Amino acid sequence: MLSRLRQALKTGKSVEGADAVFYMHELKEAHLMGAGMPYVKAHELALATYKNSPFAVYHPTVIPKSGWAEGWYNFWGLSCGG
């Protein structure tokens, strides 16, 4: 995910889908935490601001690599492999 974001920044390419959700979420979260808001509150407010599911914040390619819970697999229509 970060590689795609770095590449987009370097080339001027648009960021879309889960990568855009992640980027915007993290920017909002960082801004709120920089203003003194605790992480959990900032995370919840960032999700609410953009009306995103917590499952949408991570690209489906990272789910199998990171051992996420079943909800993430279901959200992206992936097989849990178990």
N, C-alpha and C. Protein backbone atom coordinates (compact mmCIF):
# COMPACT_ATOMS: atom_id res chain seq x y z
N MET A 1 0.83 -1.18 0.00
CA MET A 1 0.00 0.00 0.00
C MET A 1 0.87 1.24 0.00
N LEU A 2 1.83 1.27 0.89
CA LEU A 2 2.70 2.45 0.97
C LEU A 2 3.52 2.62 -0.30
N SER A 3 3.94 1.53 -0.89
CA SER A 3 4.69 1.62 -2.15
C SER A 3 3.83 2.25 -3.23
N ARG A 4 2.55 1.87 -3.32
CA ARG A 4 1.67 2.46 -4.32
C ARG A 4 1.46 3.94 -4.05
N LEU A 5 1.34 4.31 -2.78
CA LEU A 5 1.17 5.73 -2.43
C LEU A 5 2.43 6.52 -2.78
N ARG A 6 3.58 5.97 -2.45
CA ARG A 6 4.84 6.66 -2.78
C ARG A 6 5.00 6.83 -4.29
N GLN A 7 4.65 5.77 -5.03
CA GLN A 7 4.76 5.83 -6.49
C GLN A 7 3.80 6.87 -7.06
N ALA A 8 2.59 6.93 -6.54
CA ALA A 8 1.62 7.92 -7.00
C ALA A 8 2.12 9.33 -6.72
N LEU A 9 2.70 9.54 -5.56
CA LEU A 9 3.24 10.84 -5.21
C LEU A 9 4.37 11.23 -6.16
N LYS A 10 5.22 10.26 -6.45
CA LYS A 10 6.37 10.52 -7.31
C LYS A 10 5.95 10.80 -8.75
N THR A 11 4.93 10.11 -9.24
CA THR A 11 4.55 10.22 -10.64
C THR A 11 3.35 11.14 -10.89
N GLY A 12 2.69 11.58 -9.82
CA GLY A 12 1.52 12.43 -9.98
C GLY A 12 0.26 11.66 -10.32
N LYS A 13 0.31 10.34 -10.19
CA LYS A 13 -0.83 9.48 -10.49
C LYS A 13 -1.90 9.63 -9.40
N SER A 14 -3.16 9.53 -9.78
CA SER A 14 -4.26 9.60 -8.82
C SER A 14 -4.25 8.37 -7.92
N VAL A 15 -4.66 8.56 -6.70
CA VAL A 15 -4.79 7.47 -5.74
C VAL A 15 -6.28 7.14 -5.65
N GLU A 16 -6.61 5.86 -5.74
CA GLU A 16 -8.01 5.45 -5.79
C GLU A 16 -8.28 4.30 -4.82
N GLY A 17 -9.56 4.01 -4.63
CA GLY A 17 -9.99 2.84 -3.88
C GLY A 17 -9.48 2.82 -2.46
N ALA A 18 -9.10 1.62 -2.02
CA ALA A 18 -8.66 1.43 -0.64
C ALA A 18 -7.42 2.26 -0.32
N ASP A 19 -6.56 2.48 -1.31
CA ASP A 19 -5.36 3.29 -1.06
C ASP A 19 -5.76 4.73 -0.73
N ALA A 20 -6.76 5.26 -1.43
CA ALA A 20 -7.24 6.62 -1.15
C ALA A 20 -7.93 6.68 0.21
N VAL A 21 -8.70 5.65 0.52
CA VAL A 21 -9.37 5.59 1.83
C VAL A 21 -8.32 5.60 2.94
N PHE A 22 -7.30 4.75 2.80
CA PHE A 22 -6.22 4.67 3.79
C PHE A 22 -5.52 6.02 3.94
N TYR A 23 -5.17 6.62 2.81
CA TYR A 23 -4.43 7.89 2.82
C TYR A 23 -5.23 8.99 3.52
N MET A 24 -6.47 9.16 3.12
CA MET A 24 -7.30 10.21 3.71
C MET A 24 -7.57 9.94 5.19
N HIS A 25 -7.80 8.69 5.52
CA HIS A 25 -8.03 8.31 6.91
C HIS A 25 -6.82 8.65 7.78
N GLU A 26 -5.65 8.26 7.31
CA GLU A 26 -4.43 8.50 8.09
C GLU A 26 -4.12 9.99 8.21
N LEU A 27 -4.37 10.76 7.16
CA LEU A 27 -4.16 12.22 7.24
C LEU A 27 -5.07 12.83 8.30
N LYS A 28 -6.34 12.46 8.28
CA LYS A 28 -7.30 13.00 9.25
C LYS A 28 -6.92 12.58 10.66
N GLU A 29 -6.60 11.32 10.81
CA GLU A 29 -6.22 10.79 12.12
C GLU A 29 -4.98 11.52 12.67
N ALA A 30 -3.98 11.71 11.83
CA ALA A 30 -2.76 12.40 12.25
C ALA A 30 -3.05 13.85 12.63
N HIS A 31 -3.90 14.51 11.85
CA HIS A 31 -4.26 15.89 12.15
C HIS A 31 -4.95 15.97 13.52
N LEU A 32 -5.88 15.09 13.76
CA LEU A 32 -6.61 15.10 15.04
C LEU A 32 -5.69 14.78 16.21
N MET A 33 -4.82 13.81 16.03
CA MET A 33 -3.89 13.45 17.11
C MET A 33 -2.88 14.58 17.34
N GLY A 34 -2.49 15.26 16.28
CA GLY A 34 -1.59 16.40 16.42
C GLY A 34 -2.21 17.53 17.21
N ALA A 35 -3.55 17.57 17.18
CA ALA A 35 -4.28 18.59 17.95
C ALA A 35 -4.59 18.11 19.36
N GLY A 36 -4.07 16.92 19.72
CA GLY A 36 -4.22 16.44 21.08
C GLY A 36 -5.27 15.37 21.31
N MET A 37 -5.95 14.94 20.27
CA MET A 37 -6.98 13.92 20.44
C MET A 37 -6.32 12.55 20.61
N PRO A 38 -6.81 11.74 21.54
CA PRO A 38 -6.27 10.39 21.70
C PRO A 38 -6.52 9.54 20.45
N TYR A 39 -5.67 8.54 20.24
CA TYR A 39 -5.73 7.72 19.03
C TYR A 39 -7.11 7.12 18.77
N VAL A 40 -7.70 6.46 19.75
CA VAL A 40 -8.98 5.77 19.52
C VAL A 40 -10.05 6.76 19.05
N LYS A 41 -10.12 7.91 19.70
CA LYS A 41 -11.10 8.93 19.29
C LYS A 41 -10.80 9.44 17.88
N ALA A 42 -9.52 9.69 17.60
CA ALA A 42 -9.13 10.18 16.28
C ALA A 42 -9.45 9.15 15.21
N HIS A 43 -9.21 7.90 15.49
CA HIS A 43 -9.50 6.83 14.55
C HIS A 43 -11.01 6.78 14.26
N GLU A 44 -11.81 6.80 15.30
CA GLU A 44 -13.27 6.76 15.13
C GLU A 44 -13.79 7.98 14.37
N LEU A 45 -13.27 9.15 14.69
CA LEU A 45 -13.71 10.37 14.01
C LEU A 45 -13.28 10.38 12.54
N ALA A 46 -12.08 9.86 12.26
CA ALA A 46 -11.63 9.78 10.87
C ALA A 46 -12.54 8.85 10.07
N LEU A 47 -12.93 7.72 10.65
CA LEU A 47 -13.86 6.82 9.97
C LEU A 47 -15.20 7.51 9.73
N ALA A 48 -15.70 8.19 10.74
CA ALA A 48 -17.00 8.86 10.65
C ALA A 48 -16.96 10.03 9.65
N THR A 49 -15.86 10.75 9.63
CA THR A 49 -15.74 11.92 8.74
C THR A 49 -15.95 11.52 7.29
N TYR A 50 -15.34 10.41 6.89
CA TYR A 50 -15.44 9.97 5.50
C TYR A 50 -16.47 8.86 5.30
N LYS A 51 -17.19 8.52 6.37
CA LYS A 51 -18.23 7.48 6.32
C LYS A 51 -17.70 6.17 5.74
N ASN A 52 -16.53 5.77 6.25
CA ASN A 52 -15.90 4.55 5.78
C ASN A 52 -16.06 3.41 6.78
N SER A 53 -16.20 2.23 6.26
CA SER A 53 -16.14 1.04 7.08
C SER A 53 -14.69 0.88 7.54
N PRO A 54 -14.46 0.41 8.75
CA PRO A 54 -13.07 0.15 9.15
C PRO A 54 -12.40 -0.87 8.24
N PHE A 55 -13.20 -1.74 7.61
CA PHE A 55 -12.65 -2.74 6.71
C PHE A 55 -12.11 -2.12 5.42
N ALA A 56 -12.61 -0.95 5.05
CA ALA A 56 -12.23 -0.31 3.79
C ALA A 56 -10.88 0.39 3.86
N VAL A 57 -10.33 0.54 5.04
CA VAL A 57 -9.10 1.32 5.22
C VAL A 57 -7.86 0.57 4.71
N TYR A 58 -7.95 -0.73 4.58
CA TYR A 58 -6.79 -1.51 4.13
C TYR A 58 -7.08 -2.20 2.81
N HIS A 59 -6.17 -2.10 1.88
CA HIS A 59 -6.29 -2.68 0.55
C HIS A 59 -6.39 -4.21 0.68
N PRO A 60 -7.20 -4.84 -0.17
CA PRO A 60 -7.38 -6.29 -0.07
C PRO A 60 -6.09 -7.10 -0.24
N THR A 61 -5.07 -6.52 -0.87
CA THR A 61 -3.82 -7.26 -1.04
C THR A 61 -3.06 -7.44 0.26
N VAL A 62 -3.33 -6.60 1.27
CA VAL A 62 -2.60 -6.74 2.54
C VAL A 62 -3.31 -7.67 3.52
N ILE A 63 -4.56 -7.98 3.28
CA ILE A 63 -5.34 -8.79 4.22
C ILE A 63 -4.71 -10.18 4.40
N PRO A 64 -4.48 -10.95 3.33
CA PRO A 64 -3.89 -12.28 3.52
C PRO A 64 -2.48 -12.25 4.11
N LYS A 65 -1.76 -11.17 3.89
CA LYS A 65 -0.37 -11.07 4.35
C LYS A 65 -0.28 -10.69 5.82
N SER A 66 -1.38 -10.21 6.39
CA SER A 66 -1.30 -9.65 7.74
C SER A 66 -2.10 -10.41 8.78
N GLY A 67 -2.73 -11.50 8.41
CA GLY A 67 -3.46 -12.31 9.37
C GLY A 67 -4.68 -11.61 9.97
N TRP A 68 -5.41 -10.84 9.17
CA TRP A 68 -6.58 -10.12 9.65
C TRP A 68 -7.69 -11.09 10.01
N ALA A 69 -8.63 -10.61 10.80
CA ALA A 69 -9.79 -11.40 11.21
C ALA A 69 -10.73 -11.63 10.03
N GLU A 70 -11.66 -12.55 10.19
CA GLU A 70 -12.56 -12.97 9.13
C GLU A 70 -13.36 -11.82 8.51
N GLY A 71 -13.72 -10.81 9.29
CA GLY A 71 -14.49 -9.69 8.78
C GLY A 71 -13.84 -8.99 7.61
N TRP A 72 -12.51 -8.86 7.65
CA TRP A 72 -11.80 -8.20 6.55
C TRP A 72 -11.87 -9.06 5.29
N TYR A 73 -11.71 -10.35 5.45
CA TYR A 73 -11.82 -11.26 4.30
C TYR A 73 -13.21 -11.17 3.70
N ASN A 74 -14.24 -11.21 4.54
CA ASN A 74 -15.62 -11.14 4.06
C ASN A 74 -15.90 -9.82 3.35
N PHE A 75 -15.43 -8.72 3.90
CA PHE A 75 -15.67 -7.40 3.30
C PHE A 75 -15.14 -7.36 1.87
N TRP A 76 -13.96 -7.91 1.66
CA TRP A 76 -13.33 -7.86 0.33
C TRP A 76 -13.66 -9.07 -0.53
N GLY A 77 -14.48 -10.01 -0.01
CA GLY A 77 -14.83 -11.19 -0.78
C GLY A 77 -13.66 -12.14 -0.98
N LEU A 78 -12.78 -12.19 0.01
CA LEU A 78 -11.60 -13.05 -0.06
C LEU A 78 -11.85 -14.34 0.70
N SER A 79 -11.15 -15.38 0.32
CA SER A 79 -11.20 -16.64 1.05
C SER A 79 -10.23 -16.59 2.21
N CYS A 80 -10.70 -17.04 3.39
CA CYS A 80 -9.84 -17.05 4.57
C CYS A 80 -8.77 -18.14 4.47
N GLY A 81 -8.99 -19.10 3.63
CA GLY A 81 -8.01 -20.17 3.49
C GLY A 81 -8.03 -21.13 4.65
N GLY A 82 -9.01 -21.02 5.52
CA GLY A 82 -9.04 -21.90 6.69
C GLY A 82 -10.25 -22.67 6.70
